[in-house]
Amino acid sequence: MDDEVTMMKRAIAMVVAVCLISFFPYQMGLPFPSSYLPVFFFINGLCALWSVFNQLVVIAFYEYRIHDHKDTFFQTVLKFVLWPGMILNHHVQLVLCRLPFIVNKALGILYALVLFILSMLVSFVFEV
């Protein structure tokens, strides 16, 4: 019985997260399933830009929010919103943190620019 309640809560949280992620791009004119790509690239780009200044904070924030085992509804929704928005950046930052400082920051800035350009290019496909 407890597993059924947990699964139902996760399913409802996932539906709420999908609605939250797709609401704002849909208002700009992007169709529903395609609205995830520009949001995915833009949020990862913001995290990559933030990682240039506070790399370890971004890594710790992702790990704390995703692997936190609190079972509140808000935490579950936040987990489903943050996971697609930060997962790519998290894995890239784990690789970049092993590099020397100058190379790390140069590649971090280049990575953020590439993500912002990808976000714009995907948005331009739909003539927003």
N, C-alpha and C. Protein backbone atom coordinates (compact mmCIF):
# COMPACT_ATOMS: atom_id res chain seq x y z
N MET A 1 0.82 -1.19 0.00
CA MET A 1 0.00 0.00 0.00
C MET A 1 0.86 1.25 0.00
N ASP A 2 1.92 1.25 0.77
CA ASP A 2 2.80 2.42 0.85
C ASP A 2 3.50 2.66 -0.49
N ASP A 3 3.87 1.58 -1.18
CA ASP A 3 4.52 1.72 -2.48
C ASP A 3 3.57 2.31 -3.52
N GLU A 4 2.30 1.95 -3.44
CA GLU A 4 1.31 2.49 -4.37
C GLU A 4 1.13 3.99 -4.18
N VAL A 5 1.12 4.43 -2.93
CA VAL A 5 0.98 5.86 -2.63
C VAL A 5 2.21 6.62 -3.13
N THR A 6 3.37 6.05 -2.92
CA THR A 6 4.60 6.69 -3.38
C THR A 6 4.64 6.77 -4.89
N MET A 7 4.25 5.72 -5.57
CA MET A 7 4.24 5.73 -7.03
C MET A 7 3.21 6.73 -7.56
N MET A 8 2.07 6.83 -6.92
CA MET A 8 1.04 7.79 -7.34
C MET A 8 1.53 9.22 -7.13
N LYS A 9 2.19 9.45 -6.00
CA LYS A 9 2.73 10.78 -5.73
C LYS A 9 3.80 11.16 -6.75
N ARG A 10 4.64 10.21 -7.11
CA ARG A 10 5.66 10.48 -8.13
C ARG A 10 5.05 10.73 -9.50
N ALA A 11 4.00 10.00 -9.84
CA ALA A 11 3.35 10.20 -11.13
C ALA A 11 2.70 11.58 -11.20
N ILE A 12 2.04 11.99 -10.15
CA ILE A 12 1.42 13.32 -10.12
C ILE A 12 2.51 14.39 -10.15
N ALA A 13 3.59 14.18 -9.42
CA ALA A 13 4.70 15.15 -9.43
C ALA A 13 5.31 15.26 -10.81
N MET A 14 5.42 14.15 -11.54
CA MET A 14 5.98 14.20 -12.88
C MET A 14 5.06 14.97 -13.83
N VAL A 15 3.77 14.77 -13.70
CA VAL A 15 2.82 15.51 -14.54
C VAL A 15 2.91 17.01 -14.25
N VAL A 16 3.00 17.38 -12.98
CA VAL A 16 3.13 18.79 -12.61
C VAL A 16 4.44 19.37 -13.16
N ALA A 17 5.53 18.60 -13.07
CA ALA A 17 6.82 19.07 -13.58
C ALA A 17 6.79 19.25 -15.09
N VAL A 18 6.18 18.33 -15.82
CA VAL A 18 6.07 18.46 -17.27
C VAL A 18 5.26 19.70 -17.63
N CYS A 19 4.20 19.95 -16.90
CA CYS A 19 3.39 21.16 -17.16
C CYS A 19 4.19 22.42 -16.87
N LEU A 20 4.96 22.43 -15.79
CA LEU A 20 5.76 23.60 -15.46
C LEU A 20 6.84 23.86 -16.50
N ILE A 21 7.50 22.80 -16.94
CA ILE A 21 8.58 22.96 -17.91
C ILE A 21 8.05 23.43 -19.25
N SER A 22 6.90 22.95 -19.66
CA SER A 22 6.40 23.27 -21.00
C SER A 22 5.50 24.49 -21.04
N PHE A 23 5.12 25.07 -19.90
CA PHE A 23 4.17 26.17 -19.91
C PHE A 23 4.74 27.43 -20.55
N PHE A 24 5.92 27.86 -20.13
CA PHE A 24 6.47 29.13 -20.62
C PHE A 24 6.87 29.08 -22.09
N PRO A 25 7.53 28.04 -22.58
CA PRO A 25 7.81 28.00 -24.02
C PRO A 25 6.54 27.90 -24.86
N TYR A 26 5.51 27.27 -24.34
CA TYR A 26 4.25 27.16 -25.07
C TYR A 26 3.62 28.54 -25.23
N GLN A 27 3.78 29.40 -24.23
CA GLN A 27 3.26 30.76 -24.32
C GLN A 27 4.01 31.59 -25.35
N MET A 28 5.25 31.23 -25.64
CA MET A 28 6.03 31.94 -26.65
C MET A 28 5.77 31.42 -28.05
N GLY A 29 5.01 30.36 -28.19
CA GLY A 29 4.66 29.85 -29.50
C GLY A 29 5.33 28.55 -29.89
N LEU A 30 6.10 27.96 -29.00
CA LEU A 30 6.72 26.67 -29.29
C LEU A 30 5.72 25.55 -29.06
N PRO A 31 5.64 24.59 -29.96
CA PRO A 31 4.71 23.47 -29.74
C PRO A 31 5.15 22.62 -28.56
N PHE A 32 4.22 21.86 -28.01
CA PHE A 32 4.44 21.17 -26.74
C PHE A 32 5.64 20.23 -26.70
N PRO A 33 5.74 19.20 -27.52
CA PRO A 33 6.89 18.33 -27.28
C PRO A 33 8.22 18.97 -27.66
N SER A 34 8.20 19.89 -28.59
CA SER A 34 9.44 20.52 -29.03
C SER A 34 9.91 21.60 -28.09
N SER A 35 9.10 21.99 -27.14
CA SER A 35 9.49 23.06 -26.23
C SER A 35 10.54 22.61 -25.22
N TYR A 36 10.74 21.32 -25.09
CA TYR A 36 11.73 20.85 -24.12
C TYR A 36 13.16 21.14 -24.54
N LEU A 37 13.47 21.05 -25.81
CA LEU A 37 14.85 21.24 -26.25
C LEU A 37 15.39 22.63 -25.95
N PRO A 38 14.71 23.73 -26.33
CA PRO A 38 15.28 25.03 -25.99
C PRO A 38 15.36 25.26 -24.49
N VAL A 39 14.38 24.76 -23.74
CA VAL A 39 14.43 24.91 -22.29
C VAL A 39 15.59 24.11 -21.72
N PHE A 40 15.78 22.90 -22.22
CA PHE A 40 16.88 22.04 -21.78
C PHE A 40 18.23 22.72 -22.03
N PHE A 41 18.43 23.24 -23.24
CA PHE A 41 19.70 23.88 -23.56
C PHE A 41 19.89 25.19 -22.79
N PHE A 42 18.83 25.98 -22.64
CA PHE A 42 18.94 27.27 -21.96
C PHE A 42 19.26 27.10 -20.48
N ILE A 43 18.56 26.19 -19.80
CA ILE A 43 18.81 25.99 -18.37
C ILE A 43 20.21 25.40 -18.16
N ASN A 44 20.61 24.48 -19.01
CA ASN A 44 21.98 23.96 -18.91
C ASN A 44 23.00 25.05 -19.20
N GLY A 45 22.68 25.97 -20.12
CA GLY A 45 23.57 27.09 -20.40
C GLY A 45 23.70 28.03 -19.21
N LEU A 46 22.57 28.30 -18.53
CA LEU A 46 22.63 29.14 -17.33
C LEU A 46 23.47 28.47 -16.23
N CYS A 47 23.28 27.18 -16.07
CA CYS A 47 24.07 26.46 -15.07
C CYS A 47 25.54 26.42 -15.45
N ALA A 48 25.82 26.30 -16.74
CA ALA A 48 27.22 26.30 -17.20
C ALA A 48 27.86 27.66 -16.98
N LEU A 49 27.11 28.73 -17.20
CA LEU A 49 27.63 30.08 -16.96
C LEU A 49 27.87 30.30 -15.47
N TRP A 50 26.96 29.81 -14.65
CA TRP A 50 27.12 29.91 -13.21
C TRP A 50 28.31 29.05 -12.76
N SER A 51 28.55 27.96 -13.44
CA SER A 51 29.65 27.07 -13.09
C SER A 51 31.01 27.69 -13.36
N VAL A 52 31.07 28.66 -14.24
CA VAL A 52 32.35 29.34 -14.48
C VAL A 52 32.81 30.03 -13.21
N PHE A 53 31.87 30.54 -12.43
CA PHE A 53 32.22 31.27 -11.21
C PHE A 53 32.18 30.38 -9.97
N ASN A 54 31.24 29.48 -9.87
CA ASN A 54 31.07 28.61 -8.69
C ASN A 54 30.84 27.17 -9.12
N GLN A 55 31.86 26.54 -9.61
CA GLN A 55 31.73 25.20 -10.17
C GLN A 55 31.32 24.17 -9.12
N LEU A 56 31.99 24.17 -8.00
CA LEU A 56 31.69 23.17 -6.97
C LEU A 56 30.32 23.37 -6.35
N VAL A 57 29.85 24.62 -6.29
CA VAL A 57 28.52 24.90 -5.75
C VAL A 57 27.45 24.30 -6.66
N VAL A 58 27.62 24.43 -7.98
CA VAL A 58 26.65 23.89 -8.93
C VAL A 58 26.63 22.37 -8.86
N ILE A 59 27.79 21.77 -8.77
CA ILE A 59 27.85 20.30 -8.65
C ILE A 59 27.18 19.84 -7.36
N ALA A 60 27.48 20.51 -6.26
CA ALA A 60 26.88 20.14 -4.97
C ALA A 60 25.37 20.39 -4.96
N PHE A 61 24.92 21.49 -5.59
CA PHE A 61 23.49 21.79 -5.65
C PHE A 61 22.75 20.68 -6.39
N TYR A 62 23.28 20.25 -7.53
CA TYR A 62 22.63 19.18 -8.29
C TYR A 62 22.58 17.88 -7.47
N GLU A 63 23.70 17.50 -6.89
CA GLU A 63 23.74 16.25 -6.15
C GLU A 63 22.83 16.29 -4.92
N TYR A 64 22.76 17.44 -4.27
CA TYR A 64 21.89 17.54 -3.09
C TYR A 64 20.42 17.47 -3.50
N ARG A 65 20.05 18.18 -4.54
CA ARG A 65 18.64 18.23 -4.94
C ARG A 65 18.15 16.94 -5.59
N ILE A 66 19.00 16.29 -6.36
CA ILE A 66 18.56 15.09 -7.06
C ILE A 66 18.64 13.86 -6.16
N HIS A 67 19.67 13.77 -5.36
CA HIS A 67 19.85 12.56 -4.55
C HIS A 67 19.32 12.72 -3.13
N ASP A 68 18.66 13.84 -2.85
CA ASP A 68 18.03 14.03 -1.55
C ASP A 68 16.83 13.09 -1.44
N HIS A 69 16.69 12.43 -0.33
CA HIS A 69 15.66 11.39 -0.21
C HIS A 69 14.44 11.84 0.59
N LYS A 70 14.14 13.14 0.56
CA LYS A 70 12.92 13.60 1.20
C LYS A 70 11.75 13.25 0.30
N ASP A 71 10.66 12.84 0.89
CA ASP A 71 9.52 12.39 0.10
C ASP A 71 8.38 13.40 0.08
N THR A 72 8.68 14.68 0.21
CA THR A 72 7.60 15.66 0.11
C THR A 72 7.24 15.86 -1.35
N PHE A 73 6.04 16.31 -1.59
CA PHE A 73 5.56 16.50 -2.96
C PHE A 73 6.38 17.58 -3.67
N PHE A 74 6.67 18.68 -2.99
CA PHE A 74 7.44 19.77 -3.58
C PHE A 74 8.84 19.30 -3.96
N GLN A 75 9.49 18.52 -3.11
CA GLN A 75 10.83 18.02 -3.41
C GLN A 75 10.82 17.09 -4.62
N THR A 76 9.77 16.31 -4.76
CA THR A 76 9.67 15.40 -5.91
C THR A 76 9.45 16.18 -7.20
N VAL A 77 8.59 17.22 -7.16
CA VAL A 77 8.39 18.06 -8.34
C VAL A 77 9.70 18.77 -8.71
N LEU A 78 10.38 19.31 -7.70
CA LEU A 78 11.64 19.99 -7.95
C LEU A 78 12.68 19.05 -8.55
N LYS A 79 12.69 17.82 -8.09
CA LYS A 79 13.61 16.83 -8.64
C LYS A 79 13.33 16.57 -10.12
N PHE A 80 12.06 16.46 -10.49
CA PHE A 80 11.71 16.21 -11.89
C PHE A 80 11.90 17.43 -12.78
N VAL A 81 11.89 18.63 -12.20
CA VAL A 81 12.16 19.84 -12.97
C VAL A 81 13.66 20.03 -13.14
N LEU A 82 14.42 19.81 -12.09
CA LEU A 82 15.87 20.04 -12.14
C LEU A 82 16.62 18.96 -12.89
N TRP A 83 16.14 17.75 -12.85
CA TRP A 83 16.91 16.67 -13.47
C TRP A 83 17.17 16.89 -14.96
N PRO A 84 16.16 17.15 -15.79
CA PRO A 84 16.49 17.37 -17.20
C PRO A 84 17.19 18.71 -17.43
N GLY A 85 16.98 19.65 -16.51
CA GLY A 85 17.57 20.96 -16.70
C GLY A 85 19.02 21.07 -16.29
N MET A 86 19.53 20.12 -15.55
CA MET A 86 20.91 20.25 -15.06
C MET A 86 21.77 19.02 -15.28
N ILE A 87 21.22 17.95 -15.80
CA ILE A 87 21.99 16.70 -15.85
C ILE A 87 23.18 16.78 -16.81
N LEU A 88 22.98 17.37 -17.96
CA LEU A 88 24.08 17.49 -18.93
C LEU A 88 25.20 18.35 -18.36
N ASN A 89 24.83 19.49 -17.78
CA ASN A 89 25.84 20.37 -17.20
C ASN A 89 26.56 19.70 -16.04
N HIS A 90 25.86 18.94 -15.24
CA HIS A 90 26.49 18.27 -14.10
C HIS A 90 27.61 17.33 -14.55
N HIS A 91 27.34 16.54 -15.57
CA HIS A 91 28.35 15.58 -16.02
C HIS A 91 29.52 16.29 -16.72
N VAL A 92 29.25 17.35 -17.44
CA VAL A 92 30.34 18.10 -18.07
C VAL A 92 31.20 18.78 -17.00
N GLN A 93 30.57 19.33 -15.97
CA GLN A 93 31.34 20.00 -14.91
C GLN A 93 32.16 19.01 -14.10
N LEU A 94 31.69 17.79 -13.95
CA LEU A 94 32.50 16.77 -13.27
C LEU A 94 33.78 16.48 -14.04
N VAL A 95 33.71 16.53 -15.37
CA VAL A 95 34.91 16.32 -16.20
C VAL A 95 35.79 17.56 -16.16
N LEU A 96 35.19 18.74 -16.27
CA LEU A 96 35.96 19.98 -16.31
C LEU A 96 36.68 20.27 -15.00
N CYS A 97 36.15 19.84 -13.88
CA CYS A 97 36.78 20.17 -12.60
C CYS A 97 38.12 19.46 -12.41
N ARG A 98 38.40 18.47 -13.24
CA ARG A 98 39.69 17.77 -13.16
C ARG A 98 40.78 18.47 -13.97
N LEU A 99 40.41 19.42 -14.80
CA LEU A 99 41.36 20.10 -15.68
C LEU A 99 42.03 21.26 -14.95
N PRO A 100 43.17 21.74 -15.47
CA PRO A 100 43.80 22.93 -14.88
C PRO A 100 42.85 24.14 -14.95
N PHE A 101 43.09 25.11 -14.07
CA PHE A 101 42.17 26.23 -13.88
C PHE A 101 41.86 26.99 -15.17
N ILE A 102 42.86 27.40 -15.91
CA ILE A 102 42.66 28.22 -17.11
C ILE A 102 41.90 27.42 -18.18
N VAL A 103 42.29 26.18 -18.38
CA VAL A 103 41.60 25.34 -19.37
C VAL A 103 40.17 25.09 -18.92
N ASN A 104 39.98 24.87 -17.63
CA ASN A 104 38.65 24.63 -17.07
C ASN A 104 37.73 25.81 -17.36
N LYS A 105 38.19 27.03 -17.06
CA LYS A 105 37.34 28.21 -17.24
C LYS A 105 37.12 28.52 -18.72
N ALA A 106 38.14 28.34 -19.55
CA ALA A 106 37.98 28.60 -20.98
C ALA A 106 36.97 27.63 -21.61
N LEU A 107 37.10 26.36 -21.29
CA LEU A 107 36.15 25.38 -21.81
C LEU A 107 34.75 25.56 -21.21
N GLY A 108 34.68 26.01 -19.97
CA GLY A 108 33.39 26.28 -19.35
C GLY A 108 32.65 27.42 -20.04
N ILE A 109 33.37 28.48 -20.41
CA ILE A 109 32.76 29.60 -21.13
C ILE A 109 32.35 29.17 -22.52
N LEU A 110 33.20 28.41 -23.19
CA LEU A 110 32.87 27.91 -24.53
C LEU A 110 31.65 26.99 -24.48
N TYR A 111 31.58 26.15 -23.48
CA TYR A 111 30.45 25.24 -23.32
C TYR A 111 29.15 26.01 -23.10
N ALA A 112 29.19 27.05 -22.26
CA ALA A 112 28.00 27.87 -22.01
C ALA A 112 27.56 28.57 -23.30
N LEU A 113 28.50 29.10 -24.06
CA LEU A 113 28.14 29.76 -25.33
C LEU A 113 27.51 28.78 -26.31
N VAL A 114 28.06 27.59 -26.40
CA VAL A 114 27.50 26.58 -27.31
C VAL A 114 26.07 26.23 -26.90
N LEU A 115 25.82 26.10 -25.62
CA LEU A 115 24.46 25.78 -25.16
C LEU A 115 23.48 26.91 -25.45
N PHE A 116 23.90 28.17 -25.26
CA PHE A 116 23.01 29.29 -25.58
C PHE A 116 22.75 29.37 -27.08
N ILE A 117 23.77 29.11 -27.89
CA ILE A 117 23.58 29.12 -29.35
C ILE A 117 22.64 28.00 -29.77
N LEU A 118 22.80 26.82 -29.20
CA LEU A 118 21.89 25.71 -29.50
C LEU A 118 20.45 26.04 -29.10
N SER A 119 20.29 26.69 -27.98
CA SER A 119 18.95 27.08 -27.53
C SER A 119 18.31 28.05 -28.53
N MET A 120 19.09 29.02 -28.99
CA MET A 120 18.55 29.97 -29.97
C MET A 120 18.26 29.31 -31.31
N LEU A 121 19.15 28.44 -31.75
CA LEU A 121 18.94 27.78 -33.04
C LEU A 121 17.69 26.90 -33.04
N VAL A 122 17.48 26.19 -31.96
CA VAL A 122 16.28 25.35 -31.87
C VAL A 122 15.03 26.23 -31.82
N SER A 123 15.11 27.37 -31.14
CA SER A 123 13.96 28.28 -31.08
C SER A 123 13.67 28.89 -32.45
N PHE A 124 14.71 29.18 -33.23
CA PHE A 124 14.52 29.80 -34.54
C PHE A 124 13.86 28.86 -35.53
N VAL A 125 13.92 27.58 -35.31
CA VAL A 125 13.26 26.63 -36.19
C VAL A 125 11.76 26.88 -36.21
N PHE A 126 11.22 27.31 -35.06
CA PHE A 126 9.80 27.52 -34.94
C PHE A 126 9.39 28.98 -35.16
N GLU A 127 10.32 29.82 -35.60
CA GLU A 127 10.08 31.23 -35.93
C GLU A 127 9.38 31.96 -34.79
N VAL A 128 9.96 31.87 -33.62
CA VAL A 128 9.38 32.54 -32.44
C VAL A 128 9.76 34.00 -32.48
